[in-house]
Amino acid sequence: MALTDRDKAILDFERMWWADPDAKARAIREHFEVSPARYHELLGEILSDPEAFQLDPLVARRLRRQRERRRPEFVEARPANDWPHR
């Protein structure tokens, strides 16, 4: 899968973004016209593409490390028996 121009723009955005999350969410909506949730879905897809690492290995590795660090928080956030029963 080849990266699109938008995919490349997302990687560029991540390379230069160092502000607070609220400002980043606004910038995502303004620049890419998607919700922050959709943006992060797209970013996850981009990071799965080997071409992302060829295009910008430093940003791709940093983002992948961040994702791996956060993953246990999501998995371990709530034990299975804590979910409400229907």
N, C-alpha and C. Protein backbone atom coordinates (compact mmCIF):
# COMPACT_ATOMS: atom_id res chain seq x y z
N MET A 1 0.85 -1.18 0.00
CA MET A 1 0.00 0.00 0.00
C MET A 1 0.89 1.24 0.00
N ALA A 2 0.72 2.11 -0.94
CA ALA A 2 1.50 3.34 -1.01
C ALA A 2 0.82 4.42 -0.15
N LEU A 3 1.64 5.23 0.48
CA LEU A 3 1.09 6.32 1.29
C LEU A 3 0.52 7.40 0.38
N THR A 4 -0.63 7.91 0.78
CA THR A 4 -1.26 8.99 0.04
C THR A 4 -0.66 10.33 0.47
N ASP A 5 -1.01 11.38 -0.23
CA ASP A 5 -0.55 12.71 0.17
C ASP A 5 -1.06 13.05 1.57
N ARG A 6 -2.30 12.64 1.88
CA ARG A 6 -2.84 12.91 3.21
C ARG A 6 -2.06 12.13 4.27
N ASP A 7 -1.71 10.88 3.97
CA ASP A 7 -0.92 10.08 4.90
C ASP A 7 0.40 10.78 5.20
N LYS A 8 1.04 11.28 4.16
CA LYS A 8 2.32 11.99 4.32
C LYS A 8 2.13 13.28 5.12
N ALA A 9 1.01 13.96 4.90
CA ALA A 9 0.72 15.19 5.65
C ALA A 9 0.50 14.88 7.12
N ILE A 10 -0.11 13.75 7.42
CA ILE A 10 -0.32 13.35 8.81
C ILE A 10 1.03 13.09 9.48
N LEU A 11 1.93 12.41 8.80
CA LEU A 11 3.26 12.18 9.37
C LEU A 11 4.00 13.50 9.57
N ASP A 12 3.87 14.42 8.62
CA ASP A 12 4.49 15.74 8.77
C ASP A 12 3.92 16.46 9.98
N PHE A 13 2.61 16.38 10.14
CA PHE A 13 1.93 17.02 11.27
C PHE A 13 2.46 16.45 12.58
N GLU A 14 2.60 15.15 12.66
CA GLU A 14 3.10 14.51 13.88
C GLU A 14 4.56 14.89 14.15
N ARG A 15 5.34 15.11 13.12
CA ARG A 15 6.74 15.49 13.28
C ARG A 15 6.86 16.85 13.95
N MET A 16 5.93 17.74 13.65
CA MET A 16 6.04 19.12 14.10
C MET A 16 5.14 19.45 15.29
N TRP A 17 4.35 18.51 15.76
CA TRP A 17 3.36 18.84 16.77
C TRP A 17 3.88 18.61 18.18
N TRP A 18 3.91 19.68 19.00
CA TRP A 18 4.39 19.55 20.37
C TRP A 18 3.52 20.31 21.36
N ALA A 19 2.31 20.66 21.04
CA ALA A 19 1.46 21.46 21.92
C ALA A 19 0.55 20.56 22.76
N ASP A 20 -0.35 21.22 23.50
CA ASP A 20 -1.27 20.48 24.36
C ASP A 20 -2.33 19.74 23.55
N PRO A 21 -2.94 18.68 24.13
CA PRO A 21 -3.90 17.85 23.39
C PRO A 21 -5.13 18.60 22.89
N ASP A 22 -5.62 19.60 23.65
CA ASP A 22 -6.81 20.33 23.20
C ASP A 22 -6.50 21.12 21.93
N ALA A 23 -5.36 21.78 21.91
CA ALA A 23 -4.97 22.53 20.71
C ALA A 23 -4.72 21.59 19.54
N LYS A 24 -4.17 20.42 19.84
CA LYS A 24 -3.91 19.44 18.78
C LYS A 24 -5.23 18.96 18.18
N ALA A 25 -6.23 18.72 19.02
CA ALA A 25 -7.53 18.27 18.52
C ALA A 25 -8.14 19.31 17.59
N ARG A 26 -8.02 20.58 17.95
CA ARG A 26 -8.54 21.64 17.07
C ARG A 26 -7.77 21.68 15.76
N ALA A 27 -6.46 21.55 15.85
CA ALA A 27 -5.63 21.58 14.64
C ALA A 27 -5.94 20.39 13.73
N ILE A 28 -6.20 19.24 14.32
CA ILE A 28 -6.57 18.06 13.51
C ILE A 28 -7.86 18.33 12.76
N ARG A 29 -8.85 18.89 13.44
CA ARG A 29 -10.12 19.20 12.77
C ARG A 29 -9.92 20.22 11.64
N GLU A 30 -9.10 21.24 11.90
CA GLU A 30 -8.88 22.29 10.90
C GLU A 30 -8.07 21.79 9.71
N HIS A 31 -6.98 21.06 9.97
CA HIS A 31 -6.08 20.64 8.90
C HIS A 31 -6.61 19.47 8.09
N PHE A 32 -7.23 18.50 8.76
CA PHE A 32 -7.59 17.26 8.09
C PHE A 32 -9.09 17.04 7.96
N GLU A 33 -9.89 17.90 8.61
CA GLU A 33 -11.34 17.84 8.54
C GLU A 33 -11.89 16.47 8.95
N VAL A 34 -11.29 15.91 9.99
CA VAL A 34 -11.77 14.66 10.59
C VAL A 34 -11.74 14.83 12.10
N SER A 35 -12.44 13.97 12.81
CA SER A 35 -12.41 14.00 14.27
C SER A 35 -11.05 13.48 14.74
N PRO A 36 -10.64 13.84 15.95
CA PRO A 36 -9.39 13.29 16.49
C PRO A 36 -9.40 11.75 16.54
N ALA A 37 -10.56 11.16 16.83
CA ALA A 37 -10.64 9.69 16.87
C ALA A 37 -10.34 9.10 15.49
N ARG A 38 -10.94 9.68 14.46
CA ARG A 38 -10.70 9.19 13.10
C ARG A 38 -9.24 9.42 12.70
N TYR A 39 -8.70 10.57 13.08
CA TYR A 39 -7.30 10.89 12.80
C TYR A 39 -6.40 9.80 13.38
N HIS A 40 -6.66 9.40 14.62
CA HIS A 40 -5.81 8.39 15.24
C HIS A 40 -6.01 7.01 14.61
N GLU A 41 -7.20 6.73 14.10
CA GLU A 41 -7.40 5.50 13.33
C GLU A 41 -6.54 5.53 12.08
N LEU A 42 -6.57 6.66 11.37
CA LEU A 42 -5.76 6.81 10.16
C LEU A 42 -4.27 6.70 10.49
N LEU A 43 -3.87 7.34 11.57
CA LEU A 43 -2.47 7.29 11.98
C LEU A 43 -2.04 5.84 12.27
N GLY A 44 -2.90 5.08 12.92
CA GLY A 44 -2.61 3.68 13.18
C GLY A 44 -2.42 2.88 11.89
N GLU A 45 -3.26 3.16 10.90
CA GLU A 45 -3.14 2.49 9.61
C GLU A 45 -1.83 2.88 8.93
N ILE A 46 -1.49 4.16 9.01
CA ILE A 46 -0.26 4.64 8.40
C ILE A 46 0.95 3.96 9.04
N LEU A 47 0.93 3.84 10.36
CA LEU A 47 2.06 3.23 11.06
C LEU A 47 2.19 1.73 10.76
N SER A 48 1.14 1.13 10.25
CA SER A 48 1.19 -0.28 9.86
C SER A 48 1.83 -0.45 8.49
N ASP A 49 1.99 0.62 7.77
CA ASP A 49 2.55 0.57 6.42
C ASP A 49 4.07 0.74 6.49
N PRO A 50 4.83 -0.21 5.97
CA PRO A 50 6.29 -0.11 5.99
C PRO A 50 6.82 1.17 5.32
N GLU A 51 6.06 1.71 4.38
CA GLU A 51 6.49 2.92 3.70
C GLU A 51 6.60 4.11 4.67
N ALA A 52 5.80 4.11 5.73
CA ALA A 52 5.87 5.18 6.73
C ALA A 52 7.26 5.20 7.36
N PHE A 53 7.82 4.03 7.60
CA PHE A 53 9.15 3.95 8.20
C PHE A 53 10.22 4.39 7.21
N GLN A 54 10.00 4.15 5.93
CA GLN A 54 10.95 4.61 4.92
C GLN A 54 10.88 6.12 4.76
N LEU A 55 9.67 6.68 4.85
CA LEU A 55 9.49 8.10 4.67
C LEU A 55 10.05 8.89 5.85
N ASP A 56 9.74 8.47 7.06
CA ASP A 56 10.19 9.20 8.25
C ASP A 56 10.39 8.21 9.41
N PRO A 57 11.54 7.54 9.44
CA PRO A 57 11.73 6.50 10.44
C PRO A 57 11.70 7.01 11.89
N LEU A 58 12.19 8.20 12.15
CA LEU A 58 12.20 8.71 13.52
C LEU A 58 10.79 8.94 14.04
N VAL A 59 9.96 9.60 13.26
CA VAL A 59 8.58 9.86 13.69
C VAL A 59 7.81 8.54 13.80
N ALA A 60 7.98 7.67 12.83
CA ALA A 60 7.25 6.40 12.84
C ALA A 60 7.63 5.57 14.07
N ARG A 61 8.91 5.51 14.40
CA ARG A 61 9.33 4.76 15.59
C ARG A 61 8.81 5.39 16.87
N ARG A 62 8.90 6.73 16.96
CA ARG A 62 8.41 7.43 18.16
C ARG A 62 6.92 7.15 18.37
N LEU A 63 6.14 7.26 17.30
CA LEU A 63 4.70 7.04 17.42
C LEU A 63 4.37 5.59 17.75
N ARG A 64 5.12 4.68 17.17
CA ARG A 64 4.89 3.26 17.47
C ARG A 64 5.23 2.97 18.93
N ARG A 65 6.32 3.54 19.44
CA ARG A 65 6.67 3.35 20.86
C ARG A 65 5.58 3.90 21.77
N GLN A 66 5.07 5.09 21.42
CA GLN A 66 3.98 5.68 22.22
C GLN A 66 2.76 4.78 22.22
N ARG A 67 2.44 4.26 21.07
CA ARG A 67 1.28 3.37 20.95
C ARG A 67 1.48 2.11 21.79
N GLU A 68 2.67 1.54 21.75
CA GLU A 68 2.95 0.33 22.52
C GLU A 68 2.92 0.61 24.02
N ARG A 69 3.37 1.78 24.44
CA ARG A 69 3.33 2.13 25.87
C ARG A 69 1.89 2.29 26.35
N ARG A 70 1.02 2.85 25.50
CA ARG A 70 -0.37 3.07 25.88
C ARG A 70 -1.21 1.81 25.79
N ARG A 71 -0.85 0.89 24.97
CA ARG A 71 -1.66 -0.31 24.75
C ARG A 71 -2.00 -1.03 26.05
N PRO A 72 -1.06 -1.29 26.97
CA PRO A 72 -1.45 -1.96 28.22
C PRO A 72 -2.47 -1.17 29.02
N GLU A 73 -2.47 0.16 28.93
CA GLU A 73 -3.47 0.96 29.64
C GLU A 73 -4.87 0.61 29.15
N PHE A 74 -5.02 0.41 27.86
CA PHE A 74 -6.33 0.09 27.31
C PHE A 74 -6.73 -1.34 27.64
N VAL A 75 -5.80 -2.24 27.54
CA VAL A 75 -6.09 -3.65 27.78
C VAL A 75 -6.37 -3.89 29.25
N GLU A 76 -5.59 -3.25 30.12
CA GLU A 76 -5.71 -3.49 31.55
C GLU A 76 -6.58 -2.45 32.25
N ALA A 77 -7.18 -1.57 31.51
CA ALA A 77 -7.94 -0.47 32.11
C ALA A 77 -9.11 -0.98 32.94
N ARG A 78 -9.73 -2.04 32.51
CA ARG A 78 -10.92 -2.52 33.22
C ARG A 78 -10.98 -4.04 33.13
N PRO A 79 -10.96 -4.71 34.25
CA PRO A 79 -11.06 -6.18 34.22
C PRO A 79 -12.37 -6.61 33.55
N ALA A 80 -12.33 -7.75 32.93
CA ALA A 80 -13.50 -8.25 32.19
C ALA A 80 -14.72 -8.39 33.09
N ASN A 81 -14.54 -8.76 34.33
CA ASN A 81 -15.70 -8.95 35.20
C ASN A 81 -16.25 -7.65 35.76
N ASP A 82 -15.61 -6.51 35.44
CA ASP A 82 -16.13 -5.20 35.87
C ASP A 82 -17.13 -4.60 34.87
N TRP A 83 -17.26 -5.19 33.71
CA TRP A 83 -18.18 -4.64 32.72
C TRP A 83 -19.61 -4.94 33.15
N PRO A 84 -20.51 -3.96 32.95
CA PRO A 84 -21.91 -4.20 33.34
C PRO A 84 -22.53 -5.31 32.49
N HIS A 85 -23.37 -6.08 33.11
CA HIS A 85 -24.04 -7.17 32.42
C HIS A 85 -25.35 -6.67 31.83
N ARG A 86 -25.70 -7.21 30.69
CA ARG A 86 -26.96 -6.80 30.04
C ARG A 86 -28.04 -7.78 30.34
